[in-house]
Amino acid sequence: MLLCIDCGNTNTVFSIWDGEGFLDTWRIATDHRRTADEYFVWLSTLMGLKKINAEITKVIISSTVPRVVFNLRVLCNRYFDTRPLVVGKPECALPVAPRVDQGTTVGPDRLVNTVAGFGKFGGDLIVVDFGTATTFDVVDIDGAYIGGVIAPGVNLSLEALHMAAAALPHVDVTRPQSAIGTNTIACMQSGVYWGYIGLVEGIVRQIRIERERPMRVIATGGLAPLFAQGFDLFDAVDDDLTMQGLVLIHEYNTALETA
């Protein structure tokens, strides 16, 4: 079985792939202090509760938090007797190399989303990922990552608003009933929700102008379904896009080894 690990700034996601589908997916808060032993106790307990007796023999990791990778490597070596494939490292090949400025390091999550988006939807894509940051990844006709946009994430914006203005409370992200709020919470929710609708529309429009061609828009990340409600912002919403990309990258590297 293949264990896919996607480590983001806020959460780390673990999924087990059996060759045909994901047996299950679990999330844990990202913490560089968490040890390999703690990871194993947590993961094995959840697998036991789901009665998953899969033997993990292969692991692939994508991490935007470099400090976490060490303990994840120890987890793989100590408990699964395998060396993980880490996206972004020289030993991890990509189907198509990114085309960006020389010396630029592209985030592993963006590379994975690019591979997954192209594998499932083809080229000429804009992949919008609603994570800690809201990212826009532009995928060329041949599947190459050719650049994109990084904007503050929705929850990050709300947290900054609360911290900078003492009178403003914490609020949940939700679609307000109207754009005009009649109380403080409704005003904040409207500003964030409609603000991000406008942000997505504006950035997508500008990318299409610069590319001078139709570009399909694929959304992923926990808040993607919320912003897809009642709008034609996205051609598709896929919550599992990053995990699917990890599977595709692992399969590609396995094929290279056996060729």
Protein backbone atom coordinates (compact mmCIF):
# COMPACT_ATOMS: atom_id res chain seq x y z
CA MET A 1 0.00 0.00 0.00
CA LEU A 2 1.07 3.58 -0.69
CA LEU A 3 0.86 6.17 2.09
CA CYS A 4 0.45 9.71 0.75
CA ILE A 5 1.34 12.56 3.10
CA ASP A 6 0.55 16.19 2.31
CA CYS A 7 2.02 18.52 4.91
CA GLY A 8 0.66 22.05 4.76
CA ASN A 9 1.21 25.05 6.99
CA THR A 10 -1.98 24.35 8.96
CA ASN A 11 -2.79 20.64 8.60
CA THR A 12 -1.04 17.46 7.53
CA VAL A 13 -3.13 14.96 5.60
CA PHE A 14 -2.50 11.20 5.45
CA SER A 15 -4.20 8.96 2.86
CA ILE A 16 -3.72 5.27 2.06
CA TRP A 17 -3.93 4.26 -1.61
CA ASP A 18 -4.53 0.59 -2.42
CA GLY A 19 -3.97 0.85 -6.17
CA GLU A 20 -7.60 1.57 -7.02
CA GLY A 21 -8.74 4.14 -4.52
CA PHE A 22 -8.11 5.77 -1.16
CA LEU A 23 -9.03 3.57 1.80
CA ASP A 24 -9.33 6.57 4.09
CA THR A 25 -7.98 10.04 4.79
CA TRP A 26 -7.04 11.65 8.12
CA ARG A 27 -5.89 15.13 9.17
CA ILE A 28 -3.70 16.29 12.01
CA ALA A 29 -2.45 19.77 12.93
CA THR A 30 1.00 20.45 11.48
CA ASP A 31 3.60 20.61 14.25
CA HIS A 32 7.33 20.24 13.62
CA ARG A 33 7.77 19.04 17.23
CA ARG A 34 5.65 15.93 16.66
CA THR A 35 7.88 12.86 16.74
CA ALA A 36 7.86 9.81 14.50
CA ASP A 37 6.56 7.73 17.40
CA GLU A 38 3.63 10.09 17.92
CA TYR A 39 2.77 9.98 14.23
CA PHE A 40 2.79 6.18 14.28
CA VAL A 41 0.62 5.83 17.39
CA TRP A 42 -1.90 8.31 15.95
CA LEU A 43 -1.99 6.75 12.49
CA SER A 44 -2.06 3.11 13.62
CA THR A 45 -4.86 3.88 16.07
CA LEU A 46 -7.01 5.46 13.36
CA MET A 47 -6.30 2.58 10.98
CA GLY A 48 -7.35 0.15 13.70
CA LEU A 49 -10.60 2.01 14.35
CA LYS A 50 -11.39 1.78 10.63
CA LYS A 51 -10.30 -1.89 10.60
CA ILE A 52 -7.70 -1.17 7.92
CA ASN A 53 -5.05 -3.87 7.99
CA ALA A 54 -3.08 -2.51 5.05
CA GLU A 55 0.69 -3.00 5.08
CA ILE A 56 2.33 0.25 4.09
CA THR A 57 5.32 -0.45 1.85
CA LYS A 58 5.68 2.85 -0.02
CA VAL A 59 5.40 6.51 1.03
CA ILE A 60 5.37 9.81 -0.84
CA ILE A 61 5.52 13.19 0.91
CA SER A 62 4.74 16.74 -0.16
CA SER A 63 5.60 19.34 2.46
CA THR A 64 5.56 23.12 2.54
CA VAL A 65 7.05 22.95 6.05
CA PRO A 66 10.65 21.67 5.71
CA ARG A 67 11.12 21.18 9.48
CA VAL A 68 8.41 18.51 9.53
CA VAL A 69 9.99 16.31 6.87
CA PHE A 70 12.74 14.94 9.13
CA ASN A 71 10.36 13.25 11.56
CA LEU A 72 8.20 12.00 8.68
CA ARG A 73 11.31 10.39 7.20
CA VAL A 74 12.05 8.76 10.55
CA LEU A 75 8.46 7.48 10.66
CA CYS A 76 8.89 5.85 7.26
CA ASN A 77 12.28 4.33 8.05
CA ARG A 78 11.46 3.10 11.55
CA TYR A 79 7.92 1.80 11.17
CA PHE A 80 7.45 1.09 7.45
CA ASP A 81 11.02 0.12 6.54
CA THR A 82 10.96 2.31 3.46
CA ARG A 83 12.58 5.47 2.18
CA PRO A 84 9.92 8.03 1.25
CA LEU A 85 9.79 9.86 -2.06
CA VAL A 86 9.76 13.59 -1.30
CA VAL A 87 8.32 15.95 -3.90
CA GLY A 88 10.73 18.75 -4.72
CA LYS A 89 13.87 16.74 -4.00
CA PRO A 90 16.21 15.84 -6.89
CA GLU A 91 15.37 12.13 -6.65
CA CYS A 92 11.68 12.83 -7.25
CA ALA A 93 11.07 13.26 -10.99
CA LEU A 94 8.09 15.10 -12.45
CA PRO A 95 6.34 14.20 -15.72
CA VAL A 96 7.01 17.73 -17.02
CA ALA A 97 9.51 20.16 -15.48
CA PRO A 98 8.19 23.57 -14.37
CA ARG A 99 8.99 26.52 -16.60
CA VAL A 100 9.76 29.41 -14.26
CA ASP A 101 12.58 31.92 -13.69
CA GLN A 102 15.99 30.31 -13.20
CA GLY A 103 16.74 29.69 -9.53
CA THR A 104 13.08 29.78 -8.51
CA THR A 105 11.91 27.08 -6.13
CA VAL A 106 8.30 26.07 -6.71
CA GLY A 107 6.32 24.87 -3.68
CA PRO A 108 5.79 21.09 -3.66
CA ASP A 109 2.04 21.56 -3.19
CA ARG A 110 1.85 23.58 -6.40
CA LEU A 111 3.80 20.97 -8.34
CA VAL A 112 1.51 18.22 -7.05
CA ASN A 113 -1.64 20.17 -7.91
CA THR A 114 -0.27 20.79 -11.40
CA VAL A 115 0.37 17.10 -12.02
CA ALA A 116 -3.04 16.14 -10.65
CA GLY A 117 -4.88 18.83 -12.57
CA PHE A 118 -3.26 17.89 -15.86
CA GLY A 119 -3.74 14.17 -15.24
CA LYS A 120 -7.45 14.57 -14.61
CA PHE A 121 -8.47 17.57 -16.72
CA GLY A 122 -5.75 18.12 -19.30
CA GLY A 123 -3.80 21.30 -19.99
CA ASP A 124 -4.62 25.01 -20.08
CA LEU A 125 -5.77 25.05 -16.46
CA ILE A 126 -5.87 27.39 -13.52
CA VAL A 127 -5.83 25.41 -10.26
CA VAL A 128 -7.12 27.46 -7.32
CA ASP A 129 -6.16 26.00 -3.94
CA PHE A 130 -7.89 27.43 -0.86
CA GLY A 131 -5.30 26.65 1.81
CA THR A 132 -3.37 28.72 4.34
CA ALA A 133 -2.58 30.80 1.27
CA THR A 134 -4.92 31.00 -1.72
CA THR A 135 -2.81 29.97 -4.69
CA PHE A 136 -3.46 30.03 -8.42
CA ASP A 137 -1.36 27.56 -10.42
CA VAL A 138 -1.23 27.99 -14.20
CA VAL A 139 -0.83 24.71 -16.12
CA ASP A 140 0.32 24.86 -19.75
CA ILE A 141 -1.07 22.75 -22.59
CA ASP A 142 1.61 20.08 -22.00
CA GLY A 143 1.13 19.89 -18.23
CA ALA A 144 4.01 22.17 -17.18
CA TYR A 145 3.65 24.53 -14.25
CA ILE A 146 4.40 27.97 -15.72
CA GLY A 147 3.72 30.28 -12.77
CA GLY A 148 0.82 31.61 -10.81
CA VAL A 149 -0.40 33.82 -8.01
CA ILE A 150 -0.16 33.69 -4.20
CA ALA A 151 -2.72 35.57 -2.13
CA PRO A 152 -3.45 35.49 1.61
CA GLY A 153 -5.68 32.60 2.63
CA VAL A 154 -9.26 33.19 3.75
CA ASN A 155 -8.71 32.20 7.40
CA LEU A 156 -5.41 34.08 7.46
CA SER A 157 -7.20 37.24 6.35
CA LEU A 158 -9.83 36.85 9.04
CA GLU A 159 -7.18 36.28 11.70
CA ALA A 160 -5.24 39.36 10.57
CA LEU A 161 -8.42 41.43 10.68
CA HIS A 162 -9.18 40.27 14.23
CA MET A 163 -5.61 40.87 15.44
CA ALA A 164 -5.29 44.31 13.90
CA ALA A 165 -8.65 45.61 15.09
CA ALA A 166 -9.32 44.85 18.75
CA ALA A 167 -13.05 45.49 18.45
CA LEU A 168 -13.56 42.92 15.69
CA PRO A 169 -14.39 39.35 16.80
CA HIS A 170 -13.44 35.95 15.40
CA VAL A 171 -16.00 34.87 12.80
CA ASP A 172 -16.66 31.75 10.77
CA VAL A 173 -16.31 31.80 7.01
CA THR A 174 -19.76 31.46 5.48
CA ARG A 175 -21.81 32.86 2.64
CA PRO A 176 -23.79 35.83 3.97
CA GLN A 177 -27.43 36.34 3.06
CA SER A 178 -26.66 39.71 1.52
CA ALA A 179 -23.65 41.86 0.68
CA ILE A 180 -24.81 44.62 3.04
CA GLY A 181 -24.22 43.49 6.61
CA THR A 182 -26.44 44.85 9.36
CA ASN A 183 -24.16 43.85 12.25
CA THR A 184 -20.41 43.52 12.78
CA ILE A 185 -20.21 39.76 12.16
CA ALA A 186 -22.32 39.98 9.00
CA CYS A 187 -20.17 42.86 7.74
CA MET A 188 -16.97 40.86 8.26
CA GLN A 189 -18.39 37.74 6.67
CA SER A 190 -19.57 39.74 3.69
CA GLY A 191 -16.21 41.44 3.28
CA VAL A 192 -14.32 38.16 3.32
CA TYR A 193 -16.76 36.12 1.24
CA TRP A 194 -17.53 38.64 -1.48
CA GLY A 195 -13.98 39.93 -1.35
CA TYR A 196 -12.61 36.49 -2.23
CA ILE A 197 -15.25 35.97 -4.91
CA GLY A 198 -14.02 39.19 -6.49
CA LEU A 199 -10.38 38.20 -5.99
CA VAL A 200 -10.87 34.88 -7.79
CA GLU A 201 -12.87 36.45 -10.62
CA GLY A 202 -10.34 39.22 -11.12
CA ILE A 203 -7.22 37.05 -11.08
CA VAL A 204 -8.75 34.41 -13.34
CA ARG A 205 -9.86 37.08 -15.81
CA GLN A 206 -6.38 38.62 -15.93
CA ILE A 207 -4.67 35.24 -16.40
CA ARG A 208 -7.00 34.46 -19.31
CA ILE A 209 -6.20 37.84 -20.88
CA GLU A 210 -2.46 37.22 -20.59
CA ARG A 211 -2.69 33.66 -21.87
CA GLU A 212 -4.97 34.69 -24.75
CA ARG A 213 -6.84 31.39 -24.66
CA PRO A 214 -9.64 29.69 -22.74
CA MET A 215 -8.46 28.42 -19.36
CA ARG A 216 -10.52 26.02 -17.29
CA VAL A 217 -10.56 26.67 -13.55
CA ILE A 218 -10.30 23.82 -11.04
CA ALA A 219 -10.76 24.48 -7.32
CA THR A 220 -9.42 22.44 -4.43
CA GLY A 221 -8.91 22.90 -0.70
CA GLY A 222 -11.31 22.81 2.22
CA LEU A 223 -13.13 26.06 1.40
CA ALA A 224 -13.50 25.43 -2.34
CA PRO A 225 -17.10 24.10 -2.11
CA LEU A 226 -18.15 27.19 -0.14
CA PHE A 227 -16.97 29.58 -2.85
CA ALA A 228 -18.47 27.42 -5.59
CA GLN A 229 -22.01 27.78 -4.26
CA GLY A 230 -24.30 29.34 -6.85
CA PHE A 231 -21.48 30.66 -9.04
CA ASP A 232 -19.77 29.70 -12.29
CA LEU A 233 -16.32 30.48 -10.90
CA PHE A 234 -15.03 26.94 -11.35
CA ASP A 235 -15.36 24.26 -13.99
CA ALA A 236 -14.82 21.60 -11.32
CA VAL A 237 -14.22 21.27 -7.57
CA ASP A 238 -11.97 18.40 -6.44
CA ASP A 239 -11.16 18.03 -2.75
CA ASP A 240 -8.76 15.11 -3.36
CA LEU A 241 -6.69 16.79 -6.07
CA THR A 242 -3.46 16.97 -4.06
CA MET A 243 -3.63 13.33 -2.99
CA GLN A 244 -4.33 12.25 -6.56
CA GLY A 245 -1.26 14.19 -7.65
CA LEU A 246 0.90 12.38 -5.12
CA VAL A 247 -0.30 9.03 -6.46
CA LEU A 248 0.45 10.08 -10.06
CA ILE A 249 3.95 11.31 -9.18
CA HIS A 250 4.72 8.10 -7.30
CA GLU A 251 3.47 6.00 -10.23
CA TYR A 252 5.60 8.04 -12.63
CA ASN A 253 8.75 7.53 -10.57
CA THR A 254 8.01 3.81 -10.15
CA ALA A 255 7.67 3.48 -13.91
CA LEU A 256 11.04 5.21 -14.40
CA GLU A 257 12.70 2.77 -11.99
CA THR A 258 11.31 -0.29 -13.75
CA ALA A 259 11.89 0.99 -17.31
